[in-house]
Protein backbone atom coordinates (compact mmCIF):
# COMPACT_ATOMS: atom_id res chain seq x y z
CA MET A 1 10.80 2.78 8.52
CA ASN A 2 13.67 2.65 6.07
CA ALA A 3 13.56 4.44 2.72
CA GLU A 4 13.09 1.27 0.65
CA ILE A 5 10.04 0.17 2.67
CA GLU A 6 8.58 3.67 2.57
CA ASP A 7 9.05 3.79 -1.21
CA GLY A 8 7.15 0.50 -1.43
CA TYR A 9 4.30 2.04 0.57
CA ARG A 10 4.20 5.10 -1.68
CA GLU A 11 4.15 2.89 -4.77
CA PHE A 12 1.31 0.82 -3.32
CA VAL A 13 -0.72 3.93 -2.50
CA ALA A 14 -0.13 5.40 -5.98
CA GLY A 15 -1.42 2.21 -7.60
CA GLN A 16 -4.33 1.49 -5.23
CA LEU A 17 -5.68 4.90 -4.26
CA HIS A 18 -8.34 5.12 -6.97
CA PRO A 19 -9.55 1.50 -6.63
CA LEU A 20 -9.83 1.99 -2.85
CA LEU A 21 -11.76 5.23 -3.36
CA ARG A 22 -14.20 3.56 -5.75
CA THR A 23 -14.76 0.67 -3.36
CA ALA A 24 -15.25 3.05 -0.44
CA TYR A 25 -17.74 5.09 -2.46
CA LEU A 26 -19.74 1.98 -3.30
CA LEU A 27 -19.78 1.08 0.38
CA CYS A 28 -20.88 4.44 1.74
CA GLY A 29 -22.36 6.37 -1.20
CA HIS A 30 -20.69 9.72 -0.41
CA TRP A 31 -17.38 10.89 -1.85
CA GLN A 32 -16.33 12.81 1.27
CA THR A 33 -17.02 9.81 3.51
CA ALA A 34 -15.24 7.56 1.01
CA GLU A 35 -12.17 9.81 1.18
CA ASP A 36 -12.28 9.67 4.99
CA LEU A 37 -12.48 5.87 4.92
CA VAL A 38 -9.55 5.65 2.53
CA GLN A 39 -7.54 8.03 4.70
CA ILE A 40 -8.21 5.85 7.77
CA THR A 41 -7.18 2.82 5.72
CA LEU A 42 -3.95 4.40 4.49
CA VAL A 43 -2.95 5.54 7.99
CA GLN A 44 -3.48 2.04 9.35
CA LEU A 45 -1.55 0.55 6.43
CA TYR A 46 1.34 2.97 6.96
CA ARG A 47 1.60 2.03 10.63
CA SER A 48 1.86 -1.65 9.72
CA TRP A 49 3.55 -1.39 6.34
CA PRO A 50 6.83 -3.13 7.25
CA ARG A 51 4.78 -6.23 8.13
CA ILE A 52 2.20 -5.82 5.31
CA ALA A 53 4.84 -5.26 2.62
CA GLY A 54 5.93 -8.86 3.07
CA LEU A 55 2.44 -10.21 2.41
CA GLU A 56 1.69 -11.93 -0.87
CA GLU A 57 -1.36 -9.68 -1.47
CA PRO A 58 -1.26 -6.37 0.44
CA ARG A 59 -4.29 -5.20 -1.59
CA ALA A 60 -6.47 -7.81 0.15
CA TYR A 61 -5.29 -6.51 3.52
CA ALA A 62 -6.14 -2.95 2.44
CA ARG A 63 -9.66 -4.04 1.41
CA ARG A 64 -10.15 -5.68 4.79
CA VAL A 65 -9.05 -2.54 6.64
CA LEU A 66 -11.33 -0.43 4.41
CA THR A 67 -14.42 -2.60 4.92
CA ASN A 68 -13.80 -2.83 8.66
CA ALA A 69 -13.47 0.96 8.83
CA PHE A 70 -16.77 1.28 6.96
CA VAL A 71 -18.65 -1.14 9.24
CA THR A 72 -17.20 0.54 12.34
CA ALA A 73 -18.18 3.99 11.05
CA GLN A 74 -21.74 2.76 10.42
CA ARG A 75 -22.01 1.53 14.00
CA ARG A 76 -20.80 4.87 15.33
CA ARG A 77 -23.12 6.85 13.09
CA TRP A 78 -26.13 4.86 14.26
CA ARG A 79 -25.48 5.85 17.86
CA ALA A 80 -24.98 9.48 16.87
CA GLU A 81 -28.18 9.97 14.88
CA GLN A 82 -30.38 12.81 16.07
CA PRO A 83 -34.13 13.14 15.49
CA VAL A 84 -35.28 15.94 13.22
CA ALA A 85 -38.50 17.94 13.17
CA GLU A 86 -39.58 16.61 9.78
CA PRO A 87 -38.34 13.35 8.25
CA PRO A 88 -36.58 13.67 4.91
CA ARG A 89 -38.40 12.58 1.81
CA ASP A 90 -37.63 8.91 1.11
CA THR A 91 -36.24 8.59 -2.41
CA ARG A 92 -34.23 5.44 -1.90
CA THR A 93 -36.34 3.16 -4.03
CA THR A 94 -37.98 5.65 -6.36
CA ALA A 95 -37.40 4.56 -9.94
CA PRO A 96 -35.43 6.98 -12.07
CA ASP A 97 -37.45 9.64 -13.83
CA PRO A 98 -35.65 11.07 -16.87
CA ALA A 99 -37.10 14.51 -16.15
CA SER A 100 -35.70 14.52 -12.60
CA GLY A 101 -32.08 14.21 -13.69
CA VAL A 102 -31.71 10.99 -11.69
CA ASN A 103 -30.12 8.29 -13.79
CA ASP A 104 -30.12 4.51 -13.38
CA ARG A 105 -26.71 4.54 -11.71
CA ASP A 106 -27.83 7.00 -9.03
CA TRP A 107 -30.91 4.90 -8.43
CA GLN A 108 -28.86 1.69 -8.18
CA LEU A 109 -26.51 3.33 -5.69
CA ARG A 110 -29.50 4.42 -3.60
CA LEU A 111 -30.77 0.84 -3.60
CA LEU A 112 -27.33 -0.39 -2.52
CA ARG A 113 -27.15 2.20 0.28
CA GLN A 114 -30.41 0.99 1.79
CA LEU A 115 -28.81 -2.38 2.60
CA PRO A 116 -27.31 -2.97 6.05
CA PRO A 117 -23.56 -2.25 6.12
CA ARG A 118 -22.42 -5.90 6.26
CA GLN A 119 -24.64 -6.94 3.32
CA ARG A 120 -23.45 -3.94 1.35
CA ALA A 121 -19.81 -4.79 2.09
CA VAL A 122 -20.33 -8.40 1.01
CA LEU A 123 -22.04 -7.41 -2.25
CA VAL A 124 -19.42 -4.79 -3.10
CA LEU A 125 -16.58 -7.23 -2.48
CA ARG A 126 -18.29 -10.12 -4.31
CA PHE A 127 -19.60 -8.27 -7.36
CA TRP A 128 -17.55 -5.08 -7.67
CA GLU A 129 -14.19 -6.38 -6.48
CA ASP A 130 -14.99 -9.80 -8.04
CA LEU A 131 -13.86 -11.76 -4.98
CA ASP A 132 -15.02 -15.31 -4.44
CA VAL A 133 -16.86 -16.42 -1.30
CA ALA A 134 -13.72 -17.61 0.51
CA GLU A 135 -11.76 -14.43 -0.21
CA THR A 136 -14.70 -12.23 0.80
CA ALA A 137 -14.96 -14.17 4.07
CA ARG A 138 -11.26 -13.72 4.68
CA VAL A 139 -11.36 -9.96 3.96
CA LEU A 140 -14.32 -9.42 6.28
CA GLY A 141 -13.19 -11.89 8.94
CA ILE A 142 -16.42 -13.90 8.77
CA SER A 143 -17.32 -17.45 7.78
CA THR A 144 -18.08 -18.49 4.21
CA GLY A 145 -21.60 -19.42 5.34
CA THR A 146 -22.13 -15.87 6.58
CA VAL A 147 -20.91 -14.49 3.25
CA LYS A 148 -23.37 -16.73 1.40
CA ARG A 149 -26.23 -15.73 3.68
CA GLN A 150 -25.42 -12.01 3.47
CA THR A 151 -25.17 -12.31 -0.33
CA PHE A 152 -28.51 -14.11 -0.53
CA ASP A 153 -30.26 -11.63 1.78
CA GLY A 154 -28.75 -8.56 0.08
CA LEU A 155 -29.65 -9.75 -3.41
CA ALA A 156 -33.16 -10.68 -2.26
CA THR A 157 -33.66 -7.18 -0.87
CA LEU A 158 -32.40 -5.62 -4.11
CA ARG A 159 -34.60 -7.91 -6.22
CA GLN A 160 -37.62 -7.01 -4.11
CA ALA A 161 -36.94 -3.29 -4.53
CA LEU A 162 -36.45 -3.74 -8.27
CA GLY A 163 -39.62 -5.82 -8.49
CA GLU A 164 -41.60 -3.12 -6.71
CA GLN A 165 -40.31 -0.53 -9.16
CA ASN A 166 -40.96 -2.67 -12.23
CA GLY A 167 -44.41 -3.58 -11.02
CA ASP A 168 -45.27 -6.77 -9.21
CA HIS A 169 -47.73 -7.57 -12.01
CA GLN A 170 -44.81 -8.27 -14.34
CA MET A 171 -43.37 -10.79 -11.92
CA GLU A 172 -46.74 -12.47 -11.41
CA SER A 173 -47.37 -12.84 -15.13
CA GLN A 174 -44.25 -14.94 -15.63
CA PRO A 175 -44.82 -18.72 -15.46
């Protein structure tokens, strides 16, 4: 790689490192895993940078690599899970308690993490990255219909969890 192309890569990384880290964190919910995903993404980008540098929007390509790395890592982790003597306490949908030190943001991230990886990726790209349906489909390499379905299912799951926390009686009392 010549010096000019490598400088372009370094400039891209300097400008996109923090947005990629935030997106990765929203996808996986752990900073260390997010850093690993971004590292995988940056290595893959570096290998292909001479070709990617000529793209109109290299950031979109980076998001695609990042989300694919996340989905692939989730598949691998599933196969590697080991049973434990005692299951961990399930706090995924427990509403925040001010005395516990858990704030609304932590609780929302836990709700997001309970979604399947593809639904989580779609919601993060649609609502955090503010991509439209077509762009989300392109980034993930899926159809627009699949994006719409994953969005619908993911939001329905989140609404259900929120409804359970806010009390189903509130939802029933509305006309």
